[in-house]
């Protein structure tokens, strides 16, 4: 089997997996909208990781001096065609998507979505930084009041310090919860960026079409 043919199999197979991810992504949204949490958990913890592993394995390209295991590529091709059959993908459909991806390369929806994820992640990181600054101020205030409580001699003074400490500690807990939520969003966005497929699934639509869709969604 020629290197060119092997690389074409990898390219074709990658497109098949991206199309599977498009279907999965739609299914995820449906499950979220219907609050079907059990099915969503199975999809996110079992189905998606399986295809992510396959997607990463296909993201290679053989050079001129590399040895090729023809039997391995025959097995890959068979496995990919089985996936196509399961998802009702025709060879013509996949080749059409590959052509669109090549046509829009550098100016596709994938670039738009990737930049959006990166922007959102940066905004979240700024939010986290600001929250941490607030936490430091709250902790300083708590230390100050704790010292006052420690040095208080009269019972009345002690009660007053405890009274002042309560809202400070409540503010700290509230900030802590916000930071955890923001960090969760950062982790989700980082995972999307690192996975590549989360934005590459939009590589078969033009940049203009993607921006138009995004703007229409924001108006709703």
Protein backbone atom coordinates (compact mmCIF):
# COMPACT_ATOMS: atom_id res chain seq x y z
CA UNK A 1 0.00 0.00 0.00
CA UNK A 2 1.41 3.40 -1.05
CA UNK A 3 2.03 6.18 1.50
CA UNK A 4 -0.30 8.48 -0.41
CA UNK A 5 -3.10 5.94 -0.15
CA UNK A 6 -2.46 5.46 3.57
CA UNK A 7 -2.56 9.22 4.20
CA UNK A 8 -5.80 9.44 2.21
CA UNK A 9 -7.31 6.69 4.35
CA UNK A 10 -6.34 8.63 7.48
CA UNK A 11 -7.78 11.85 6.09
CA UNK A 12 -11.01 10.14 5.04
CA UNK A 13 -11.27 8.35 8.40
CA UNK A 14 -10.74 11.60 10.31
CA UNK A 15 -13.62 13.20 8.41
CA UNK A 16 -15.85 10.24 9.26
CA UNK A 17 -15.08 10.64 12.97
CA UNK A 18 -15.70 14.40 12.79
CA UNK A 19 -19.11 13.72 11.24
CA UNK A 20 -19.82 11.28 14.08
CA UNK A 21 -18.89 14.03 16.53
CA UNK A 22 -21.37 16.37 14.82
CA UNK A 23 -24.13 13.83 15.47
CA UNK A 24 -22.95 13.31 19.05
CA UNK A 25 -22.84 17.07 19.64
CA UNK A 26 -26.46 17.42 18.49
CA UNK A 27 -27.46 14.50 20.70
CA UNK A 28 -25.74 16.10 23.71
CA UNK A 29 -27.76 19.30 23.21
CA UNK A 30 -31.00 17.30 22.92
CA UNK A 31 -30.28 15.41 26.14
CA UNK A 32 -29.40 18.63 27.97
CA UNK A 33 -32.60 20.31 26.80
CA UNK A 34 -34.67 17.31 27.94
CA UNK A 35 -32.80 16.92 31.25
CA UNK A 36 -31.91 13.32 30.39
CA UNK A 37 -28.91 13.31 32.70
CA UNK A 38 -28.29 9.55 32.83
CA UNK A 39 -28.11 9.23 29.05
CA UNK A 40 -25.95 12.37 28.90
CA UNK A 41 -23.53 10.91 31.44
CA UNK A 42 -23.14 7.72 29.40
CA UNK A 43 -22.54 9.73 26.24
CA UNK A 44 -19.94 12.01 27.86
CA UNK A 45 -18.13 9.34 29.88
CA UNK A 46 -18.24 6.34 27.55
CA UNK A 47 -19.09 7.25 23.94
CA UNK A 48 -17.19 10.53 23.46
CA UNK A 49 -13.87 9.29 24.99
CA UNK A 50 -13.94 6.29 22.65
CA UNK A 51 -14.19 8.49 19.56
CA UNK A 52 -11.71 11.03 20.97
CA UNK A 53 -9.13 8.28 21.29
CA UNK A 54 -9.78 7.20 17.71
CA UNK A 55 -9.68 10.80 16.43
CA UNK A 56 -6.27 11.42 18.03
CA UNK A 57 -4.91 8.14 16.67
CA UNK A 58 -5.89 9.16 13.14
CA UNK A 59 -4.20 12.58 13.36
CA UNK A 60 -0.90 11.39 11.90
CA UNK A 61 0.69 11.56 8.49
CA UNK A 62 3.30 9.22 7.05
CA UNK A 63 6.51 10.64 5.60
CA UNK A 64 8.60 9.23 2.79
CA UNK A 65 10.92 7.10 4.94
CA UNK A 66 8.39 5.61 7.33
CA UNK A 67 7.44 1.94 7.20
CA UNK A 68 3.80 1.14 6.53
CA UNK A 69 1.81 -1.77 7.92
CA UNK A 70 -0.63 -2.42 5.06
CA UNK A 71 -2.66 -4.92 7.08
CA UNK A 72 -3.18 -2.32 9.77
CA UNK A 73 -4.53 0.17 7.24
CA UNK A 74 -6.85 -2.41 5.74
CA UNK A 75 -8.24 -3.00 9.25
CA UNK A 76 -8.61 0.75 9.84
CA UNK A 77 -10.49 1.16 6.57
CA UNK A 78 -12.83 -1.72 7.40
CA UNK A 79 -13.47 -0.35 10.90
CA UNK A 80 -14.21 3.13 9.55
CA UNK A 81 -16.63 1.77 6.96
CA UNK A 82 -18.42 -0.10 9.75
CA UNK A 83 -18.79 3.22 11.59
CA UNK A 84 -20.11 4.81 8.40
CA UNK A 85 -22.70 2.06 8.07
CA UNK A 86 -23.81 2.51 11.70
CA UNK A 87 -24.29 6.24 11.11
CA UNK A 88 -25.78 6.01 7.61
CA UNK A 89 -22.87 7.90 6.03
CA UNK A 90 -22.18 7.32 2.35
CA UNK A 91 -18.74 7.58 0.81
CA UNK A 92 -20.03 10.38 -1.41
CA UNK A 93 -21.23 12.35 1.64
CA UNK A 94 -17.86 12.06 3.40
CA UNK A 95 -15.95 13.09 0.28
CA UNK A 96 -18.25 16.10 -0.13
CA UNK A 97 -17.51 17.14 3.46
CA UNK A 98 -13.78 16.69 2.87
CA UNK A 99 -13.99 18.92 -0.19
CA UNK A 100 -15.86 21.61 1.79
CA UNK A 101 -13.30 21.41 4.60
CA UNK A 102 -10.47 21.89 2.13
CA UNK A 103 -12.30 24.73 0.38
CA UNK A 104 -12.91 26.67 3.63
CA UNK A 105 -9.54 25.88 5.23
CA UNK A 106 -8.30 28.95 7.13
CA UNK A 107 -11.62 30.75 6.63
CA UNK A 108 -14.05 28.24 8.11
CA UNK A 109 -16.38 28.09 11.07
CA UNK A 110 -13.71 26.07 12.88
CA UNK A 111 -11.47 29.13 13.15
CA UNK A 112 -14.40 31.23 14.42
CA UNK A 113 -15.37 28.72 17.11
CA UNK A 114 -11.77 28.15 18.22
CA UNK A 115 -11.22 31.90 18.66
CA UNK A 116 -14.53 32.13 20.54
CA UNK A 117 -13.47 29.36 22.94
CA UNK A 118 -10.09 31.04 23.46
CA UNK A 119 -11.76 34.41 24.09
CA UNK A 120 -14.25 32.92 26.56
CA UNK A 121 -11.44 31.10 28.37
CA UNK A 122 -9.42 34.33 28.68
CA UNK A 123 -12.48 36.17 30.02
CA UNK A 124 -13.10 33.42 32.56
CA UNK A 125 -9.45 33.51 33.65
CA UNK A 126 -9.72 37.29 34.16
CA UNK A 127 -12.89 36.76 36.20
CA UNK A 128 -11.11 34.15 38.31
CA UNK A 129 -8.18 36.53 38.89
CA UNK A 130 -10.54 39.30 40.04
CA UNK A 131 -12.35 36.90 42.37
CA UNK A 132 -9.05 35.75 43.87
CA UNK A 133 -8.12 39.38 44.50
CA UNK A 134 -11.40 39.79 46.40
CA UNK A 135 -10.70 36.60 48.34
CA UNK A 136 -7.32 37.95 49.46
CA UNK A 137 -8.97 41.13 50.75
CA UNK A 138 -11.64 39.12 52.57
CA UNK A 139 -8.98 36.88 54.15
CA UNK A 140 -7.04 39.94 55.29
CA UNK A 141 -10.22 41.28 56.89
CA UNK A 142 -10.89 37.91 58.52
CA UNK A 143 -7.33 37.78 59.93
CA UNK A 144 -7.75 41.31 61.30
CA UNK A 145 -11.05 40.47 63.01
CA UNK A 146 -9.73 37.13 64.29
CA UNK A 147 -6.83 38.98 65.90
CA UNK A 148 -9.25 41.45 67.47
CA UNK A 149 -11.28 38.52 68.82
CA UNK A 150 -8.16 36.91 70.23
CA UNK A 151 -7.16 40.13 71.98
CA UNK A 152 -10.68 40.96 73.19
CA UNK A 153 -10.98 40.77 76.94
CA UNK A 154 -14.55 41.81 77.62
CA UNK A 155 -17.38 39.46 76.61
CA UNK A 156 -19.11 42.36 74.87
CA UNK A 157 -16.01 42.95 72.72
CA UNK A 158 -15.83 39.25 71.85
CA UNK A 159 -19.49 39.15 70.78
CA UNK A 160 -18.98 42.23 68.62
CA UNK A 161 -15.98 40.61 66.88
CA UNK A 162 -17.94 37.38 66.26
CA UNK A 163 -20.81 39.45 64.88
CA UNK A 164 -18.41 41.20 62.47
CA UNK A 165 -16.74 37.93 61.45
CA UNK A 166 -19.94 36.19 60.35
CA UNK A 167 -20.63 38.24 57.17
CA UNK A 168 -16.92 38.16 56.27
CA UNK A 169 -16.88 34.36 56.38
CA UNK A 170 -20.14 34.20 54.43
CA UNK A 171 -18.60 36.44 51.77
CA UNK A 172 -15.57 34.13 51.61
CA UNK A 173 -17.78 31.05 51.09
CA UNK A 174 -19.75 32.85 48.37
CA UNK A 175 -16.53 33.85 46.57
CA UNK A 176 -15.20 30.31 46.90
CA UNK A 177 -18.32 28.91 45.23
CA UNK A 178 -18.02 31.45 42.40
CA UNK A 179 -14.37 30.53 41.84
CA UNK A 180 -15.24 26.83 41.65
CA UNK A 181 -17.94 27.54 39.05
CA UNK A 182 -15.58 29.73 37.01
CA UNK A 183 -12.81 27.12 37.21
CA UNK A 184 -15.24 24.46 36.00
CA UNK A 185 -16.03 26.64 32.96
CA UNK A 186 -12.31 27.19 32.33
CA UNK A 187 -11.69 23.43 32.46
CA UNK A 188 -14.54 22.76 30.00
CA UNK A 189 -13.24 25.38 27.55
CA UNK A 190 -9.65 24.12 27.86
CA UNK A 191 -10.84 20.59 27.14
CA UNK A 192 -12.71 21.80 24.04
CA UNK A 193 -9.66 23.65 22.74
CA UNK A 194 -7.29 20.75 23.45
CA UNK A 195 -9.63 18.16 21.92
CA UNK A 196 -9.63 19.99 18.52
CA UNK A 197 -12.73 18.14 17.33
CA UNK A 198 -14.99 20.50 19.35
CA UNK A 199 -14.23 23.28 16.88
CA UNK A 200 -13.11 21.24 13.84
CA UNK A 201 -16.68 19.95 13.44
CA UNK A 202 -17.48 23.44 12.12
CA UNK A 203 -14.78 23.24 9.45
CA UNK A 204 -17.23 22.40 6.66
CA UNK A 205 -19.07 25.73 6.88
CA UNK A 206 -17.70 29.11 5.87
CA UNK A 207 -16.53 31.72 8.36
CA UNK A 208 -19.30 34.12 7.22
CA UNK A 209 -22.01 31.48 7.62
CA UNK A 210 -20.75 30.60 11.09
CA UNK A 211 -20.65 34.26 12.18
CA UNK A 212 -24.15 34.80 10.82
CA UNK A 213 -25.45 31.76 12.72
CA UNK A 214 -23.74 32.97 15.90
CA UNK A 215 -25.20 36.48 15.56
CA UNK A 216 -28.69 35.08 14.97
CA UNK A 217 -28.36 32.89 18.06
CA UNK A 218 -27.25 35.85 20.19
CA UNK A 219 -30.34 37.83 19.12
CA UNK A 220 -32.71 35.17 20.46
